Amino acid sequence: MLAIVLAAGVGRRFGGAKAAAPLAGRPLVLHALDAARAAGIGRTIVVVGHDASTVAACVEDEPDVEVVVNEDHAQGQATSVQAGLQTAESYEDARIAVILLGDQPHVSPVAIRQVVAALEDGGEVARASYDDGPGHPVALARRVWSRLVEDLRGDQGARQLMDELEVAHVLVAGSMPPDVDRPEDLDRLASAEGDDEGQG
């Protein structure tokens, strides 16, 4: 089992490499790694693209992390999923890959464990489904990796093939964790974390 963190986006609305932007003293991309490790996933592939060296530097001292540069990242998120899965195929003992987003810092370890558990007895894809709709994490069984590598197109990640695959929608309590698309999104999360610490 391994995690694939997608952190290759241009971040136009953010104004730069948002995966490297700090939240609670740590780059956003490291929050995804933290969640994966807390869920029991030791190995992580981080897919970088735009401002690759900056994002890669955020994880260079992290153990069991392989950085993959997606030269085609401008063509859409699908290319990053493909790059991550192509690398994952070299890990012969890995049976499940969990897709996480480098700009979604509050995905919970519980949600990761839930989608993994949904595939342990079979199935092709398991996707977290929150009170307000489906989202990440998404777990992919090894037997669909090659198909996704061959067939994915555009900026929809794996969503465009979901209708053709066996997808288990895993109910996760609460609302979908927010993405960081703009600087104000990061400010909002930072403010909320500050409020939580003040109440602790």
C-alpha atoms as a PDB file:
ATOM      1  CA  MET A   1       0.000   0.000   0.000  1.00  0.00           C
ATOM      2  CA  LEU A   2       1.183   3.495  -0.761  1.00  0.00           C
ATOM      3  CA  ALA A   3      -0.076   7.056  -1.087  1.00  0.00           C
ATOM      4  CA  ILE A   4       0.193   9.307  -4.125  1.00  0.00           C
ATOM      5  CA  VAL A   5       0.081  13.013  -3.319  1.00  0.00           C
ATOM      6  CA  LEU A   6      -0.765  15.256  -6.271  1.00  0.00           C
ATOM      7  CA  ALA A   7       1.192  18.501  -5.879  1.00  0.00           C
ATOM      8  CA  ALA A   8       1.985  19.513  -9.462  1.00  0.00           C
ATOM      9  CA  GLY A   9      -0.611  22.219 -10.129  1.00  0.00           C
ATOM     10  CA  VAL A  10       0.229  25.703 -11.329  1.00  0.00           C
ATOM     11  CA  GLY A  11      -1.876  27.330  -8.618  1.00  0.00           C
ATOM     12  CA  ARG A  12      -2.968  30.265 -10.813  1.00  0.00           C
ATOM     13  CA  ARG A  13      -5.657  31.434  -8.418  1.00  0.00           C
ATOM     14  CA  PHE A  14      -3.258  31.082  -5.506  1.00  0.00           C
ATOM     15  CA  GLY A  15      -0.438  32.914  -7.238  1.00  0.00           C
ATOM     16  CA  GLY A  16       2.278  30.299  -6.948  1.00  0.00           C
ATOM     17  CA  ALA A  17       3.214  26.849  -5.696  1.00  0.00           C
ATOM     18  CA  LYS A  18       0.472  26.481  -3.114  1.00  0.00           C
ATOM     19  CA  ALA A  19       1.624  22.993  -2.072  1.00  0.00           C
ATOM     20  CA  ALA A  20       4.654  24.711  -0.517  1.00  0.00           C
ATOM     21  CA  ALA A  21       2.619  27.383   1.278  1.00  0.00           C
ATOM     22  CA  PRO A  22       2.803  27.106   5.072  1.00  0.00           C
ATOM     23  CA  LEU A  23      -0.085  26.136   7.316  1.00  0.00           C
ATOM     24  CA  ALA A  24       0.579  25.737  11.041  1.00  0.00           C
ATOM     25  CA  GLY A  25       4.295  25.953  10.322  1.00  0.00           C
ATOM     26  CA  ARG A  26       4.365  23.156   7.732  1.00  0.00           C
ATOM     27  CA  PRO A  27       3.962  23.215   3.946  1.00  0.00           C
ATOM     28  CA  LEU A  28       0.543  22.115   2.753  1.00  0.00           C
ATOM     29  CA  VAL A  29       1.994  19.064   1.020  1.00  0.00           C
ATOM     30  CA  LEU A  30       3.343  17.764   4.330  1.00  0.00           C
ATOM     31  CA  HIS A  31      -0.140  17.754   5.830  1.00  0.00           C
ATOM     32  CA  ALA A  32      -1.121  15.141   3.253  1.00  0.00           C
ATOM     33  CA  LEU A  33       1.954  13.087   4.146  1.00  0.00           C
ATOM     34  CA  ASP A  34       1.126  13.399   7.838  1.00  0.00           C
ATOM     35  CA  ALA A  35      -2.390  12.088   7.238  1.00  0.00           C
ATOM     36  CA  ALA A  36      -1.120   9.144   5.204  1.00  0.00           C
ATOM     37  CA  ARG A  37       1.373   8.165   7.876  1.00  0.00           C
ATOM     38  CA  ALA A  38      -1.193   8.506  10.633  1.00  0.00           C
ATOM     39  CA  ALA A  39      -3.373   6.123   8.612  1.00  0.00           C
ATOM     40  CA  GLY A  40      -0.560   3.568   8.537  1.00  0.00           C
ATOM     41  CA  ILE A  41       0.796   4.251   5.034  1.00  0.00           C
ATOM     42  CA  GLY A  42       4.571   4.434   5.136  1.00  0.00           C
ATOM     43  CA  ARG A  43       5.458   4.958   1.475  1.00  0.00           C
ATOM     44  CA  THR A  44       4.444   8.042  -0.461  1.00  0.00           C
ATOM     45  CA  ILE A  45       4.924   9.219  -4.028  1.00  0.00           C
ATOM     46  CA  VAL A  46       4.735  13.004  -4.369  1.00  0.00           C
ATOM     47  CA  VAL A  47       4.026  14.212  -7.896  1.00  0.00           C
ATOM     48  CA  VAL A  48       5.403  17.681  -8.573  1.00  0.00           C
ATOM     49  CA  GLY A  49       5.314  19.843 -11.687  1.00  0.00           C
ATOM     50  CA  HIS A  50       4.939  23.608 -11.492  1.00  0.00           C
ATOM     51  CA  ASP A  51       7.819  25.051  -9.493  1.00  0.00           C
ATOM     52  CA  ALA A  52       8.925  21.463  -8.973  1.00  0.00           C
ATOM     53  CA  SER A  53      12.123  22.251  -7.079  1.00  0.00           C
ATOM     54  CA  THR A  54      10.290  24.354  -4.493  1.00  0.00           C
ATOM     55  CA  VAL A  55       7.706  21.688  -3.750  1.00  0.00           C
ATOM     56  CA  ALA A  56      10.275  18.878  -3.851  1.00  0.00           C
ATOM     57  CA  ALA A  57      12.385  20.723  -1.295  1.00  0.00           C
ATOM     58  CA  CYS A  58       9.474  20.549   1.139  1.00  0.00           C
ATOM     59  CA  VAL A  59       9.682  16.745   1.241  1.00  0.00           C
ATOM     60  CA  GLU A  60      13.386  16.118   0.611  1.00  0.00           C
ATOM     61  CA  ASP A  61      14.089  15.215   4.241  1.00  0.00           C
ATOM     62  CA  GLU A  62      11.011  13.021   4.642  1.00  0.00           C
ATOM     63  CA  PRO A  63      11.593   9.254   4.865  1.00  0.00           C
ATOM     64  CA  ASP A  64      10.046   6.814   2.372  1.00  0.00           C
ATOM     65  CA  VAL A  65       9.047   9.557  -0.060  1.00  0.00           C
ATOM     66  CA  GLU A  66       9.735   9.373  -3.786  1.00  0.00           C
ATOM     67  CA  VAL A  67       9.384  12.585  -5.795  1.00  0.00           C
ATOM     68  CA  VAL A  68       8.163  12.271  -9.382  1.00  0.00           C
ATOM     69  CA  VAL A  69       8.322  15.237 -11.752  1.00  0.00           C
ATOM     70  CA  ASN A  70       5.348  15.439 -14.106  1.00  0.00           C
ATOM     71  CA  GLU A  71       6.579  17.389 -17.107  1.00  0.00           C
ATOM     72  CA  ASP A  72       3.041  17.353 -18.570  1.00  0.00           C
ATOM     73  CA  HIS A  73       1.314  18.839 -15.522  1.00  0.00           C
ATOM     74  CA  ALA A  74      -0.095  21.777 -17.516  1.00  0.00           C
ATOM     75  CA  GLN A  75      -2.287  19.310 -19.416  1.00  0.00           C
ATOM     76  CA  GLY A  76      -4.337  18.551 -16.328  1.00  0.00           C
ATOM     77  CA  GLN A  77      -4.551  16.556 -13.129  1.00  0.00           C
ATOM     78  CA  ALA A  78      -4.960  13.297 -15.037  1.00  0.00           C
ATOM     79  CA  THR A  79      -1.317  13.463 -16.075  1.00  0.00           C
ATOM     80  CA  SER A  80      -0.252  13.623 -12.428  1.00  0.00           C
ATOM     81  CA  VAL A  81      -2.399  10.612 -11.552  1.00  0.00           C
ATOM     82  CA  GLN A  82      -0.774   8.777 -14.456  1.00  0.00           C
ATOM     83  CA  ALA A  83       2.731   9.777 -13.395  1.00  0.00           C
ATOM     84  CA  GLY A  84       2.081   8.639  -9.857  1.00  0.00           C
ATOM     85  CA  LEU A  85       0.596   5.298 -10.897  1.00  0.00           C
ATOM     86  CA  GLN A  86       3.385   4.593 -13.372  1.00  0.00           C
ATOM     87  CA  THR A  87       5.852   4.973 -10.523  1.00  0.00           C
ATOM     88  CA  ALA A  88       3.653   2.964  -8.169  1.00  0.00           C
ATOM     89  CA  GLU A  89       3.799   0.003 -10.555  1.00  0.00           C
ATOM     90  CA  SER A  90       7.502  -0.351  -9.728  1.00  0.00           C
ATOM     91  CA  TYR A  91       6.556  -1.227  -6.139  1.00  0.00           C
ATOM     92  CA  GLU A  92       5.751  -4.864  -6.772  1.00  0.00           C
ATOM     93  CA  ASP A  93       4.277  -5.525  -3.334  1.00  0.00           C
ATOM     94  CA  ALA A  94       1.885  -2.543  -3.405  1.00  0.00           C
ATOM     95  CA  ARG A  95      -1.735  -3.573  -3.963  1.00  0.00           C
ATOM     96  CA  ILE A  96      -3.565  -0.312  -3.207  1.00  0.00           C
ATOM     97  CA  ALA A  97      -2.716   3.306  -4.018  1.00  0.00           C
ATOM     98  CA  VAL A  98      -4.459   6.117  -2.152  1.00  0.00           C
ATOM     99  CA  ILE A  99      -4.748   9.397  -4.048  1.00  0.00           C
ATOM    100  CA  LEU A 100      -4.455  12.549  -1.935  1.00  0.00           C
ATOM    101  CA  LEU A 101      -4.322  16.209  -2.900  1.00  0.00           C
ATOM    102  CA  GLY A 102      -1.411  18.388  -1.882  1.00  0.00           C
ATOM    103  CA  ASP A 103      -3.728  21.374  -1.396  1.00  0.00           C
ATOM    104  CA  GLN A 104      -6.262  19.621   0.841  1.00  0.00           C
ATOM    105  CA  PRO A 105      -4.611  19.581   4.266  1.00  0.00           C
ATOM    106  CA  HIS A 106      -7.508  18.372   6.402  1.00  0.00           C
ATOM    107  CA  VAL A 107      -8.227  14.960   4.926  1.00  0.00           C
ATOM    108  CA  SER A 108      -8.378  12.716   7.961  1.00  0.00           C
ATOM    109  CA  PRO A 109      -6.449   9.504   8.607  1.00  0.00           C
ATOM    110  CA  VAL A 110      -9.818   7.929   9.422  1.00  0.00           C
ATOM    111  CA  ALA A 111     -11.085   8.641   5.887  1.00  0.00           C
ATOM    112  CA  ILE A 112      -7.916   7.150   4.413  1.00  0.00           C
ATOM    113  CA  ARG A 113      -8.275   3.991   6.483  1.00  0.00           C
ATOM    114  CA  GLN A 114     -11.935   3.717   5.486  1.00  0.00           C
ATOM    115  CA  VAL A 115     -11.301   3.770   1.728  1.00  0.00           C
ATOM    116  CA  VAL A 116      -8.418   1.319   2.083  1.00  0.00           C
ATOM    117  CA  ALA A 117     -10.566  -1.057   4.124  1.00  0.00           C
ATOM    118  CA  ALA A 118     -13.252  -0.940   1.436  1.00  0.00           C
ATOM    119  CA  LEU A 119     -10.807  -2.495  -1.062  1.00  0.00           C
ATOM    120  CA  GLU A 120      -9.162  -5.053   1.154  1.00  0.00           C
ATOM    121  CA  ASP A 121     -11.813  -7.667   0.348  1.00  0.00           C
ATOM    122  CA  GLY A 122     -11.883  -6.857  -3.357  1.00  0.00           C
ATOM    123  CA  GLY A 123     -13.203  -4.076  -5.571  1.00  0.00           C
ATOM    124  CA  GLU A 124     -11.535  -1.647  -7.929  1.00  0.00           C
ATOM    125  CA  VAL A 125     -12.029   1.860  -6.540  1.00  0.00           C
ATOM    126  CA  ALA A 126     -13.153   3.261  -3.197  1.00  0.00           C
ATOM    127  CA  ARG A 127     -13.979   6.925  -2.840  1.00  0.00           C
ATOM    128  CA  ALA A 128     -14.797   9.004   0.216  1.00  0.00           C
ATOM    129  CA  SER A 129     -18.331  10.386   0.156  1.00  0.00           C
ATOM    130  CA  TYR A 130     -19.040  13.237   2.563  1.00  0.00           C
ATOM    131  CA  ASP A 131     -22.274  14.911   3.633  1.00  0.00           C
ATOM    132  CA  ASP A 132     -21.870  17.356   0.730  1.00  0.00           C
ATOM    133  CA  GLY A 133     -20.685  14.953  -1.943  1.00  0.00           C
ATOM    134  CA  PRO A 134     -17.851  12.684  -3.101  1.00  0.00           C
ATOM    135  CA  GLY A 135     -14.226  13.702  -2.762  1.00  0.00           C
ATOM    136  CA  HIS A 136     -10.798  12.512  -1.660  1.00  0.00           C
ATOM    137  CA  PRO A 137      -9.202  10.266  -0.616  1.00  0.00           C
ATOM    138  CA  VAL A 138      -9.664   7.793  -3.460  1.00  0.00           C
ATOM    139  CA  ALA A 139      -8.199   4.298  -3.192  1.00  0.00           C
ATOM    140  CA  LEU A 140      -7.311   2.406  -6.363  1.00  0.00           C
ATOM    141  CA  ALA A 141      -6.694  -1.351  -6.549  1.00  0.00           C
ATOM    142  CA  ARG A 142      -3.592  -2.340  -8.467  1.00  0.00           C
ATOM    143  CA  ARG A 143      -5.568  -4.115 -11.190  1.00  0.00           C
ATOM    144  CA  VAL A 144      -6.965  -0.774 -12.461  1.00  0.00           C
ATOM    145  CA  TRP A 145      -3.690   1.159 -12.428  1.00  0.00           C
ATOM    146  CA  SER A 146      -2.616   0.255 -15.953  1.00  0.00           C
ATOM    147  CA  ARG A 147      -6.038   1.111 -17.334  1.00  0.00           C
ATOM    148  CA  LEU A 148      -5.964   4.517 -15.687  1.00  0.00           C
ATOM    149  CA  VAL A 149      -2.463   5.171 -16.965  1.00  0.00           C
ATOM    150  CA  GLU A 150      -3.576   4.390 -20.502  1.00  0.00           C
ATOM    151  CA  ASP A 151      -7.014   6.034 -20.562  1.00  0.00           C
ATOM    152  CA  LEU A 152      -6.994   9.132 -18.373  1.00  0.00           C
ATOM    153  CA  ARG A 153      -7.284  12.475 -20.135  1.00  0.00           C
ATOM    154  CA  GLY A 154      -7.632  16.106 -19.144  1.00  0.00           C
ATOM    155  CA  ASP A 155      -8.155  17.824 -15.825  1.00  0.00           C
ATOM    156  CA  GLN A 156     -10.663  15.506 -14.200  1.00  0.00           C
ATOM    157  CA  GLY A 157      -8.252  13.118 -12.505  1.00  0.00           C
ATOM    158  CA  ALA A 158      -9.831   9.667 -12.322  1.00  0.00           C
ATOM    159  CA  ARG A 159     -13.393  10.969 -12.277  1.00  0.00           C
ATOM    160  CA  GLN A 160     -13.995  10.475 -15.983  1.00  0.00           C
ATOM    161  CA  LEU A 161     -13.516   6.711 -15.687  1.00  0.00           C
ATOM    162  CA  MET A 162     -15.507   6.249 -12.497  1.00  0.00           C
ATOM    163  CA  ASP A 163     -18.670   5.312 -14.388  1.00  0.00           C
ATOM    164  CA  GLU A 164     -16.837   2.420 -16.018  1.00  0.00           C
ATOM    165  CA  LEU A 165     -15.229   1.053 -12.863  1.00  0.00           C
ATOM    166  CA  GLU A 166     -16.531  -0.682  -9.783  1.00  0.00           C
ATOM    167  CA  VAL A 167     -16.643   2.186  -7.289  1.00  0.00           C
ATOM    168  CA  ALA A 168     -17.422   1.788  -3.602  1.00  0.00           C
ATOM    169  CA  HIS A 169     -18.665   5.063  -2.121  1.00  0.00           C
ATOM    170  CA  VAL A 170     -17.448   5.107   1.457  1.00  0.00           C
ATOM    171  CA  LEU A 171     -19.467   7.272   3.813  1.00  0.00           C
ATOM    172  CA  VAL A 172     -17.287   9.648   5.816  1.00  0.00           C
ATOM    173  CA  ALA A 173     -18.961  11.763   8.483  1.00  0.00           C
ATOM    174  CA  GLY A 174     -18.930  15.522   8.079  1.00  0.00           C
ATOM    175  CA  SER A 175     -18.290  17.926   5.231  1.00  0.00           C
ATOM    176  CA  MET A 176     -15.651  17.528   2.556  1.00  0.00           C
ATOM    177  CA  PRO A 177     -12.294  18.956   3.649  1.00  0.00           C
ATOM    178  CA  PRO A 178     -11.714  22.272   1.859  1.00  0.00           C
ATOM    179  CA  ASP A 179      -9.169  22.731  -0.922  1.00  0.00           C
ATOM    180  CA  VAL A 180      -6.807  25.675  -0.840  1.00  0.00           C
ATOM    181  CA  ASP A 181      -7.395  27.472  -4.137  1.00  0.00           C
ATOM    182  CA  ARG A 182      -6.742  31.089  -3.167  1.00  0.00           C
ATOM    183  CA  PRO A 183      -4.664  32.855  -0.492  1.00  0.00           C
ATOM    184  CA  GLU A 184      -7.844  33.675   1.409  1.00  0.00           C
ATOM    185  CA  ASP A 185      -8.632  29.952   1.665  1.00  0.00           C
ATOM    186  CA  LEU A 186      -5.304  29.417   3.395  1.00  0.00           C
ATOM    187  CA  ASP A 187      -5.922  32.415   5.646  1.00  0.00           C
ATOM    188  CA  ARG A 188      -9.306  30.967   6.607  1.00  0.00           C
ATOM    189  CA  LEU A 189      -7.785  27.613   7.544  1.00  0.00           C
ATOM    190  CA  ALA A 190      -4.985  29.268   9.466  1.00  0.00           C
ATOM    191  CA  SER A 191      -7.474  31.396  11.364  1.00  0.00           C
ATOM    192  CA  ALA A 192      -9.580  28.344  12.207  1.00  0.00           C
ATOM    193  CA  GLU A 193      -6.537  26.465  13.480  1.00  0.00           C
ATOM    194  CA  GLY A 194      -5.564  29.455  15.571  1.00  0.00           C
ATOM    195  CA  ASP A 195      -9.035  29.519  17.068  1.00  0.00           C
ATOM    196  CA  ASP A 196      -8.817  25.799  17.862  1.00  0.00           C
ATOM    197  CA  GLU A 197      -5.476  26.251  19.601  1.00  0.00           C
ATOM    198  CA  GLY A 198      -6.896  29.118  21.604  1.00  0.00           C
ATOM    199  CA  GLN A 199      -9.673  26.876  22.864  1.00  0.00           C
ATOM    200  CA  GLY A 200      -7.341  24.018  23.713  1.00  0.00           C
END
